[in-house]
Amino acid sequence: MEIEAVDGIASLKGVPFRTNTKSLETFLNLIFKILKRCQCYRYLYITDNIRLTATDTTNILSKIRVSEENFFDSKDYEN
């Protein structure tokens, strides 16, 4: 007997990343977009012990930003 399990995020491997704008997004917003797209998770639990400073109370993922352009392959736009 053989069992293969694929998690929800791995199921998005072949799904192209699409967005109307290529802007700066927080990591937290990107994670929410990914989880919404795979439609198999109800909750997201994030540890609160990772912070930028010792006195900071905000989740670090809501402060770190990344450009959505990093998710597009340049060869898709060459032709």
Protein backbone atom coordinates (compact mmCIF):
# COMPACT_ATOMS: atom_id res chain seq x y z
CA MET A 1 0.00 0.00 0.00
CA GLU A 2 1.23 3.47 -0.81
CA ILE A 3 -0.17 6.76 0.40
CA GLU A 4 0.77 10.14 -0.98
CA ALA A 5 -0.25 13.34 0.72
CA VAL A 6 0.07 16.79 -0.80
CA ASP A 7 -0.37 19.82 1.41
CA GLY A 8 -2.55 22.71 0.29
CA ILE A 9 0.26 25.12 -0.49
CA ALA A 10 2.13 22.51 -2.57
CA SER A 11 -1.02 22.12 -4.66
CA LEU A 12 -0.49 25.69 -5.90
CA LYS A 13 2.83 24.82 -7.57
CA GLY A 14 1.37 24.87 -11.06
CA VAL A 15 -1.01 27.79 -10.48
CA PRO A 16 0.29 31.10 -11.87
CA PHE A 17 0.49 34.06 -9.51
CA ARG A 18 -1.86 36.79 -10.73
CA THR A 19 -2.57 40.26 -9.46
CA ASN A 20 -3.96 43.47 -10.93
CA THR A 21 -1.14 45.56 -9.52
CA LYS A 22 2.51 44.85 -8.84
CA SER A 23 2.90 46.69 -5.58
CA LEU A 24 4.62 46.28 -2.25
CA GLU A 25 2.77 43.86 0.00
CA THR A 26 3.40 42.67 3.51
CA PHE A 27 4.40 39.05 3.95
CA LEU A 28 1.26 38.59 6.01
CA ASN A 29 -0.97 39.80 3.15
CA LEU A 30 0.83 37.52 0.70
CA ILE A 31 0.32 34.55 3.01
CA PHE A 32 -3.39 35.37 3.25
CA LYS A 33 -3.64 35.57 -0.56
CA ILE A 34 -1.95 32.18 -0.90
CA LEU A 35 -4.15 30.52 1.72
CA LYS A 36 -7.29 32.00 0.16
CA ARG A 37 -6.23 30.69 -3.25
CA CYS A 38 -5.66 27.10 -2.13
CA GLN A 39 -8.99 27.02 -0.25
CA CYS A 40 -8.02 24.30 2.21
CA TYR A 41 -7.11 26.15 5.40
CA ARG A 42 -9.45 27.87 7.81
CA TYR A 43 -6.99 29.33 10.32
CA LEU A 44 -3.48 30.72 10.39
CA TYR A 45 -1.53 30.66 13.63
CA ILE A 46 1.51 32.91 13.87
CA THR A 47 3.87 33.00 16.80
CA ASP A 48 4.13 36.35 18.53
CA ASN A 49 7.67 35.90 19.84
CA ILE A 50 9.40 37.15 16.66
CA ARG A 51 9.59 40.93 16.72
CA LEU A 52 11.78 43.68 15.30
CA THR A 53 12.49 45.11 18.75
CA ALA A 54 11.99 43.84 22.30
CA THR A 55 9.24 46.39 22.98
CA ASP A 56 7.40 45.93 19.68
CA THR A 57 3.95 44.36 19.90
CA THR A 58 3.22 44.09 16.17
CA ASN A 59 3.71 40.84 14.28
CA ILE A 60 6.90 40.98 12.21
CA LEU A 61 5.12 39.58 9.13
CA SER A 62 2.90 42.64 8.99
CA LYS A 63 5.96 44.92 8.86
CA ILE A 64 8.16 43.14 6.32
CA ARG A 65 7.29 44.11 2.74
CA VAL A 66 8.12 42.44 -0.54
CA SER A 67 7.43 43.50 -4.10
CA GLU A 68 4.90 41.35 -5.93
CA GLU A 69 7.15 41.66 -9.00
CA ASN A 70 9.36 39.02 -7.34
CA PHE A 71 6.68 36.43 -8.15
CA PHE A 72 6.63 37.05 -11.91
CA ASP A 73 9.01 35.36 -14.31
CA SER A 74 10.71 37.83 -16.67
CA LYS A 75 10.59 35.35 -19.58
CA ASP A 76 6.78 35.63 -19.54
CA TYR A 77 7.09 39.27 -20.61
CA GLU A 78 9.90 38.99 -23.20
CA ASN A 79 7.66 38.10 -26.16
